[in-house]
Amino acid sequence: MTSVKMSDIQWPAVVKLIQNDELLYLAHQRDWLELACLYQHHFTDKDQLLDSKGYRYHISANSHTVYEDPIGELPKLLQQEQHLPLTEFIKWVQNHAKALDHCCVAKLAFTTISQGMEIVRTLDE
């Protein structure tokens, strides 16, 4: 896994927290920076960011002591070798919809990662 630059990520993206079925929709890099600042000490090494091209990134949380400068503590994104299979992303989106109490979740399907991102965005509205 290699650390990435923010310009490498294709927005929109979603964050999948390991302890939660809900997905966090991020329309822009700014949304990631806000989430990273607010949640910086709560990420686990199993949390992931998925961009709209299907690239997966592990969120590498900095578990060191909180410093006076919170910018130095932002988590890093480490690109994984493999793309997230579409079938797995469909399960993520179905679980997200179920967590939000939407009905007919089993019928929820799409053919591209980008379509799935759009579904997540609309489910959150």
N, C-alpha and C. Protein backbone atom coordinates (compact mmCIF):
# COMPACT_ATOMS: atom_id res chain seq x y z
N MET A 1 0.84 -1.18 0.00
CA MET A 1 0.00 0.00 0.00
C MET A 1 0.88 1.24 0.00
N THR A 2 0.47 2.21 -0.78
CA THR A 2 1.23 3.44 -0.87
C THR A 2 0.34 4.62 -0.50
N SER A 3 0.97 5.62 0.12
CA SER A 3 0.26 6.84 0.47
C SER A 3 -0.07 7.59 -0.82
N VAL A 4 -1.20 8.27 -0.85
CA VAL A 4 -1.64 8.95 -2.06
C VAL A 4 -1.80 10.44 -1.83
N LYS A 5 -1.80 11.18 -2.93
CA LYS A 5 -2.09 12.61 -2.89
C LYS A 5 -3.59 12.78 -3.08
N MET A 6 -4.14 13.80 -2.51
CA MET A 6 -5.57 14.07 -2.63
C MET A 6 -5.99 14.22 -4.09
N SER A 7 -5.10 14.71 -4.93
CA SER A 7 -5.44 14.90 -6.34
C SER A 7 -5.61 13.57 -7.08
N ASP A 8 -5.15 12.46 -6.49
CA ASP A 8 -5.30 11.15 -7.11
C ASP A 8 -6.70 10.56 -6.90
N ILE A 9 -7.42 11.05 -5.94
CA ILE A 9 -8.73 10.49 -5.60
C ILE A 9 -9.79 11.09 -6.51
N GLN A 10 -10.64 10.22 -7.03
CA GLN A 10 -11.73 10.64 -7.90
C GLN A 10 -12.98 10.85 -7.05
N TRP A 11 -13.41 12.10 -6.95
CA TRP A 11 -14.58 12.44 -6.15
C TRP A 11 -15.82 12.36 -7.01
N PRO A 12 -16.95 12.01 -6.49
CA PRO A 12 -17.26 11.78 -5.09
C PRO A 12 -16.68 10.45 -4.60
N ALA A 13 -16.75 10.28 -3.28
CA ALA A 13 -16.25 9.08 -2.64
C ALA A 13 -17.14 8.76 -1.44
N VAL A 14 -16.96 7.58 -0.89
CA VAL A 14 -17.65 7.22 0.34
C VAL A 14 -16.65 6.66 1.33
N VAL A 15 -16.94 6.85 2.60
CA VAL A 15 -16.14 6.26 3.66
C VAL A 15 -16.97 5.15 4.28
N LYS A 16 -16.35 3.98 4.42
CA LYS A 16 -16.98 2.82 5.06
C LYS A 16 -16.26 2.58 6.37
N LEU A 17 -16.95 2.88 7.46
CA LEU A 17 -16.41 2.62 8.79
C LEU A 17 -16.72 1.17 9.15
N ILE A 18 -15.75 0.47 9.65
CA ILE A 18 -15.89 -0.96 9.92
C ILE A 18 -17.00 -1.25 10.93
N GLN A 19 -17.22 -0.38 11.90
CA GLN A 19 -18.20 -0.65 12.94
C GLN A 19 -19.60 -0.15 12.60
N ASN A 20 -19.84 0.29 11.36
CA ASN A 20 -21.10 0.91 11.01
C ASN A 20 -21.48 0.54 9.58
N ASP A 21 -22.77 0.25 9.34
CA ASP A 21 -23.23 -0.05 7.98
C ASP A 21 -23.49 1.20 7.16
N GLU A 22 -23.66 2.34 7.82
CA GLU A 22 -23.92 3.57 7.07
C GLU A 22 -22.64 4.03 6.37
N LEU A 23 -22.80 4.52 5.15
CA LEU A 23 -21.69 5.07 4.38
C LEU A 23 -21.70 6.58 4.53
N LEU A 24 -20.53 7.17 4.54
CA LEU A 24 -20.41 8.62 4.63
C LEU A 24 -20.07 9.14 3.23
N TYR A 25 -20.99 9.87 2.63
CA TYR A 25 -20.83 10.39 1.27
C TYR A 25 -19.97 11.65 1.31
N LEU A 26 -18.96 11.68 0.45
CA LEU A 26 -18.06 12.83 0.35
C LEU A 26 -18.08 13.34 -1.09
N ALA A 27 -18.70 14.48 -1.31
CA ALA A 27 -18.81 15.02 -2.66
C ALA A 27 -17.49 15.57 -3.17
N HIS A 28 -16.70 16.15 -2.27
CA HIS A 28 -15.46 16.83 -2.66
C HIS A 28 -14.35 16.55 -1.66
N GLN A 29 -13.16 16.90 -2.04
CA GLN A 29 -12.00 16.77 -1.15
C GLN A 29 -12.24 17.54 0.16
N ARG A 30 -12.89 18.67 0.08
CA ARG A 30 -13.20 19.48 1.26
C ARG A 30 -13.99 18.66 2.30
N ASP A 31 -14.92 17.81 1.80
CA ASP A 31 -15.71 16.98 2.71
C ASP A 31 -14.81 15.98 3.44
N TRP A 32 -13.83 15.43 2.73
CA TRP A 32 -12.88 14.51 3.37
C TRP A 32 -12.07 15.24 4.44
N LEU A 33 -11.60 16.43 4.13
CA LEU A 33 -10.80 17.18 5.10
C LEU A 33 -11.62 17.50 6.36
N GLU A 34 -12.89 17.86 6.18
CA GLU A 34 -13.74 18.13 7.34
C GLU A 34 -13.94 16.86 8.18
N LEU A 35 -14.23 15.74 7.51
CA LEU A 35 -14.42 14.48 8.23
C LEU A 35 -13.13 14.06 8.93
N ALA A 36 -12.02 14.18 8.24
CA ALA A 36 -10.72 13.78 8.80
C ALA A 36 -10.39 14.61 10.04
N CYS A 37 -10.71 15.89 10.01
CA CYS A 37 -10.45 16.75 11.18
C CYS A 37 -11.35 16.36 12.35
N LEU A 38 -12.62 16.13 12.07
CA LEU A 38 -13.57 15.83 13.14
C LEU A 38 -13.39 14.43 13.71
N TYR A 39 -13.00 13.49 12.88
CA TYR A 39 -13.00 12.08 13.26
C TYR A 39 -11.59 11.51 13.39
N GLN A 40 -10.58 12.37 13.33
CA GLN A 40 -9.20 11.94 13.18
C GLN A 40 -8.72 10.91 14.19
N HIS A 41 -9.18 10.94 15.41
CA HIS A 41 -8.69 10.02 16.43
C HIS A 41 -9.62 8.82 16.63
N HIS A 42 -10.61 8.69 15.77
CA HIS A 42 -11.59 7.62 15.92
C HIS A 42 -11.55 6.61 14.78
N PHE A 43 -10.78 6.88 13.73
CA PHE A 43 -10.67 5.92 12.64
C PHE A 43 -9.93 4.68 13.12
N THR A 44 -10.27 3.53 12.53
CA THR A 44 -9.52 2.31 12.78
C THR A 44 -8.80 1.94 11.49
N ASP A 45 -7.87 1.02 11.57
CA ASP A 45 -7.12 0.62 10.38
C ASP A 45 -7.96 -0.17 9.38
N LYS A 46 -9.17 -0.54 9.76
CA LYS A 46 -10.04 -1.27 8.84
C LYS A 46 -11.04 -0.37 8.14
N ASP A 47 -11.08 0.91 8.51
CA ASP A 47 -11.95 1.86 7.83
C ASP A 47 -11.38 2.13 6.44
N GLN A 48 -12.28 2.38 5.49
CA GLN A 48 -11.84 2.56 4.10
C GLN A 48 -12.54 3.74 3.45
N LEU A 49 -11.87 4.28 2.45
CA LEU A 49 -12.46 5.27 1.55
C LEU A 49 -12.50 4.62 0.17
N LEU A 50 -13.62 4.74 -0.50
CA LEU A 50 -13.78 4.22 -1.86
C LEU A 50 -14.07 5.40 -2.77
N ASP A 51 -13.26 5.56 -3.83
CA ASP A 51 -13.53 6.68 -4.74
C ASP A 51 -14.43 6.22 -5.88
N SER A 52 -14.84 7.16 -6.72
CA SER A 52 -15.83 6.86 -7.76
C SER A 52 -15.28 6.03 -8.91
N LYS A 53 -13.99 5.76 -8.92
CA LYS A 53 -13.39 4.86 -9.91
C LYS A 53 -13.23 3.45 -9.36
N GLY A 54 -13.57 3.25 -8.09
CA GLY A 54 -13.48 1.92 -7.50
C GLY A 54 -12.19 1.66 -6.76
N TYR A 55 -11.33 2.68 -6.64
CA TYR A 55 -10.09 2.51 -5.88
C TYR A 55 -10.39 2.56 -4.39
N ARG A 56 -9.79 1.63 -3.67
CA ARG A 56 -9.96 1.56 -2.21
C ARG A 56 -8.73 2.11 -1.53
N TYR A 57 -8.98 2.81 -0.43
CA TYR A 57 -7.90 3.38 0.37
C TYR A 57 -8.14 3.03 1.83
N HIS A 58 -7.14 2.46 2.47
CA HIS A 58 -7.22 2.28 3.92
C HIS A 58 -7.00 3.63 4.56
N ILE A 59 -7.73 3.89 5.61
CA ILE A 59 -7.55 5.13 6.36
C ILE A 59 -6.59 4.81 7.49
N SER A 60 -5.40 5.35 7.40
CA SER A 60 -4.37 5.09 8.40
C SER A 60 -4.41 6.18 9.45
N ALA A 61 -5.02 5.84 10.57
CA ALA A 61 -5.18 6.81 11.65
C ALA A 61 -3.87 6.97 12.40
N ASN A 62 -3.61 8.19 12.81
CA ASN A 62 -2.42 8.48 13.60
C ASN A 62 -2.82 8.33 15.07
N SER A 63 -2.31 7.30 15.71
CA SER A 63 -2.72 7.01 17.08
C SER A 63 -1.85 7.68 18.14
N HIS A 64 -0.98 8.58 17.72
CA HIS A 64 -0.10 9.25 18.68
C HIS A 64 -0.87 10.28 19.50
N THR A 65 -0.24 10.79 20.48
CA THR A 65 -0.83 11.80 21.35
C THR A 65 -1.26 13.01 20.53
N VAL A 66 -2.35 13.61 20.94
CA VAL A 66 -2.85 14.80 20.26
C VAL A 66 -1.86 15.94 20.48
N TYR A 67 -1.46 16.57 19.40
CA TYR A 67 -0.54 17.70 19.46
C TYR A 67 -1.32 19.00 19.41
N GLU A 68 -0.65 20.09 19.65
CA GLU A 68 -1.31 21.39 19.58
C GLU A 68 -1.79 21.69 18.17
N ASP A 69 -1.10 21.20 17.16
CA ASP A 69 -1.47 21.44 15.77
C ASP A 69 -2.23 20.23 15.24
N PRO A 70 -3.58 20.31 15.15
CA PRO A 70 -4.36 19.14 14.74
C PRO A 70 -4.11 18.73 13.29
N ILE A 71 -3.59 19.62 12.46
CA ILE A 71 -3.31 19.27 11.07
C ILE A 71 -2.27 18.17 10.99
N GLY A 72 -1.34 18.16 11.91
CA GLY A 72 -0.31 17.13 11.91
C GLY A 72 -0.86 15.75 12.24
N GLU A 73 -2.07 15.67 12.70
CA GLU A 73 -2.68 14.40 13.12
C GLU A 73 -3.65 13.81 12.09
N LEU A 74 -3.86 14.46 10.97
CA LEU A 74 -4.83 13.95 10.00
C LEU A 74 -4.44 12.56 9.52
N PRO A 75 -5.42 11.68 9.34
CA PRO A 75 -5.11 10.33 8.86
C PRO A 75 -4.62 10.37 7.42
N LYS A 76 -3.85 9.37 7.07
CA LYS A 76 -3.36 9.23 5.70
C LYS A 76 -4.21 8.20 4.98
N LEU A 77 -4.30 8.34 3.67
CA LEU A 77 -5.00 7.36 2.85
C LEU A 77 -3.96 6.52 2.13
N LEU A 78 -4.06 5.21 2.27
CA LEU A 78 -3.13 4.27 1.66
C LEU A 78 -3.87 3.45 0.63
N GLN A 79 -3.44 3.57 -0.64
CA GLN A 79 -4.15 2.88 -1.71
C GLN A 79 -3.91 1.38 -1.62
N GLN A 80 -5.00 0.62 -1.74
CA GLN A 80 -4.92 -0.83 -1.75
C GLN A 80 -4.63 -1.31 -3.16
N GLU A 81 -4.08 -2.48 -3.25
CA GLU A 81 -3.70 -3.06 -4.54
C GLU A 81 -4.91 -3.35 -5.42
N GLN A 82 -6.00 -3.82 -4.83
CA GLN A 82 -7.15 -4.25 -5.61
C GLN A 82 -8.30 -3.27 -5.52
N HIS A 83 -9.04 -3.18 -6.62
CA HIS A 83 -10.29 -2.41 -6.63
C HIS A 83 -11.31 -3.15 -5.78
N LEU A 84 -12.30 -2.42 -5.30
CA LEU A 84 -13.41 -3.06 -4.60
C LEU A 84 -14.31 -3.69 -5.65
N PRO A 85 -14.61 -4.98 -5.53
CA PRO A 85 -15.53 -5.60 -6.50
C PRO A 85 -16.89 -4.93 -6.44
N LEU A 86 -17.52 -4.77 -7.59
CA LEU A 86 -18.83 -4.13 -7.66
C LEU A 86 -19.84 -4.85 -6.77
N THR A 87 -19.79 -6.17 -6.73
CA THR A 87 -20.73 -6.94 -5.90
C THR A 87 -20.60 -6.58 -4.42
N GLU A 88 -19.37 -6.33 -3.97
CA GLU A 88 -19.17 -5.94 -2.57
C GLU A 88 -19.71 -4.54 -2.31
N PHE A 89 -19.50 -3.62 -3.28
CA PHE A 89 -20.03 -2.27 -3.12
C PHE A 89 -21.55 -2.28 -3.11
N ILE A 90 -22.17 -3.15 -3.91
CA ILE A 90 -23.63 -3.27 -3.90
C ILE A 90 -24.10 -3.67 -2.50
N LYS A 91 -23.40 -4.61 -1.86
CA LYS A 91 -23.76 -5.01 -0.49
C LYS A 91 -23.60 -3.84 0.48
N TRP A 92 -22.52 -3.06 0.31
CA TRP A 92 -22.33 -1.88 1.16
C TRP A 92 -23.52 -0.94 1.04
N VAL A 93 -23.94 -0.67 -0.21
CA VAL A 93 -25.04 0.28 -0.44
C VAL A 93 -26.36 -0.29 0.08
N GLN A 94 -26.58 -1.59 -0.12
CA GLN A 94 -27.79 -2.21 0.42
C GLN A 94 -27.82 -2.13 1.95
N ASN A 95 -26.69 -2.40 2.59
CA ASN A 95 -26.62 -2.31 4.06
C ASN A 95 -26.82 -0.87 4.53
N HIS A 96 -26.28 0.06 3.77
CA HIS A 96 -26.46 1.49 4.08
C HIS A 96 -27.94 1.85 4.02
N ALA A 97 -28.61 1.43 2.95
CA ALA A 97 -30.04 1.73 2.79
C ALA A 97 -30.85 1.09 3.91
N LYS A 98 -30.49 -0.13 4.27
CA LYS A 98 -31.20 -0.82 5.36
C LYS A 98 -31.00 -0.09 6.68
N ALA A 99 -29.78 0.39 6.93
CA ALA A 99 -29.50 1.14 8.17
C ALA A 99 -30.30 2.43 8.24
N LEU A 100 -30.65 2.97 7.07
CA LEU A 100 -31.45 4.20 7.01
C LEU A 100 -32.95 3.89 6.95
N ASP A 101 -33.31 2.62 7.13
CA ASP A 101 -34.71 2.17 7.15
C ASP A 101 -35.43 2.33 5.81
N HIS A 102 -34.71 2.16 4.71
CA HIS A 102 -35.37 2.15 3.40
C HIS A 102 -35.90 0.75 3.14
N CYS A 103 -36.99 0.67 2.38
CA CYS A 103 -37.58 -0.64 2.09
C CYS A 103 -37.07 -1.15 0.73
N CYS A 104 -37.35 -2.41 0.46
CA CYS A 104 -36.99 -3.06 -0.82
C CYS A 104 -35.49 -3.01 -1.08
N VAL A 105 -34.70 -3.13 -0.06
CA VAL A 105 -33.25 -3.02 -0.16
C VAL A 105 -32.67 -4.10 -1.06
N ALA A 106 -33.23 -5.29 -1.04
CA ALA A 106 -32.71 -6.41 -1.83
C ALA A 106 -32.80 -6.12 -3.34
N LYS A 107 -33.72 -5.27 -3.73
CA LYS A 107 -33.88 -4.93 -5.15
C LYS A 107 -32.92 -3.84 -5.60
N LEU A 108 -32.21 -3.25 -4.68
CA LEU A 108 -31.29 -2.16 -4.99
C LEU A 108 -30.08 -2.70 -5.74
N ALA A 109 -29.87 -2.22 -6.97
CA ALA A 109 -28.74 -2.70 -7.78
C ALA A 109 -28.28 -1.58 -8.72
N PHE A 110 -27.06 -1.72 -9.20
CA PHE A 110 -26.48 -0.78 -10.15
C PHE A 110 -25.34 -1.48 -10.87
N THR A 111 -24.86 -0.88 -11.96
CA THR A 111 -23.85 -1.55 -12.79
C THR A 111 -22.47 -0.88 -12.76
N THR A 112 -22.37 0.29 -12.14
CA THR A 112 -21.08 0.96 -12.02
C THR A 112 -20.92 1.54 -10.62
N ILE A 113 -19.68 1.75 -10.22
CA ILE A 113 -19.39 2.38 -8.94
C ILE A 113 -20.00 3.78 -8.90
N SER A 114 -19.90 4.52 -9.99
CA SER A 114 -20.45 5.88 -10.04
C SER A 114 -21.95 5.89 -9.79
N GLN A 115 -22.67 4.93 -10.35
CA GLN A 115 -24.11 4.84 -10.10
C GLN A 115 -24.37 4.57 -8.62
N GLY A 116 -23.57 3.72 -8.02
CA GLY A 116 -23.71 3.43 -6.60
C GLY A 116 -23.48 4.67 -5.75
N MET A 117 -22.47 5.47 -6.14
CA MET A 117 -22.20 6.72 -5.41
C MET A 117 -23.41 7.64 -5.47
N GLU A 118 -24.05 7.71 -6.63
CA GLU A 118 -25.22 8.57 -6.80
C GLU A 118 -26.38 8.06 -5.93
N ILE A 119 -26.54 6.76 -5.83
CA ILE A 119 -27.58 6.19 -4.98
C ILE A 119 -27.33 6.55 -3.52
N VAL A 120 -26.07 6.43 -3.08
CA VAL A 120 -25.74 6.81 -1.71
C VAL A 120 -26.08 8.27 -1.46
N ARG A 121 -25.74 9.13 -2.41
CA ARG A 121 -26.03 10.56 -2.27
C ARG A 121 -27.53 10.79 -2.13
N THR A 122 -28.33 10.13 -2.95
CA THR A 122 -29.77 10.37 -2.91
C THR A 122 -30.42 9.73 -1.68
N LEU A 123 -29.87 8.62 -1.20
CA LEU A 123 -30.41 8.01 0.02
C LEU A 123 -30.22 8.92 1.22
N ASP A 124 -29.17 9.71 1.20
CA ASP A 124 -28.85 10.59 2.32
C ASP A 124 -29.66 11.88 2.33
N GLU A 125 -30.38 12.14 1.26
CA GLU A 125 -31.16 13.39 1.17
C GLU A 125 -32.43 13.31 1.96
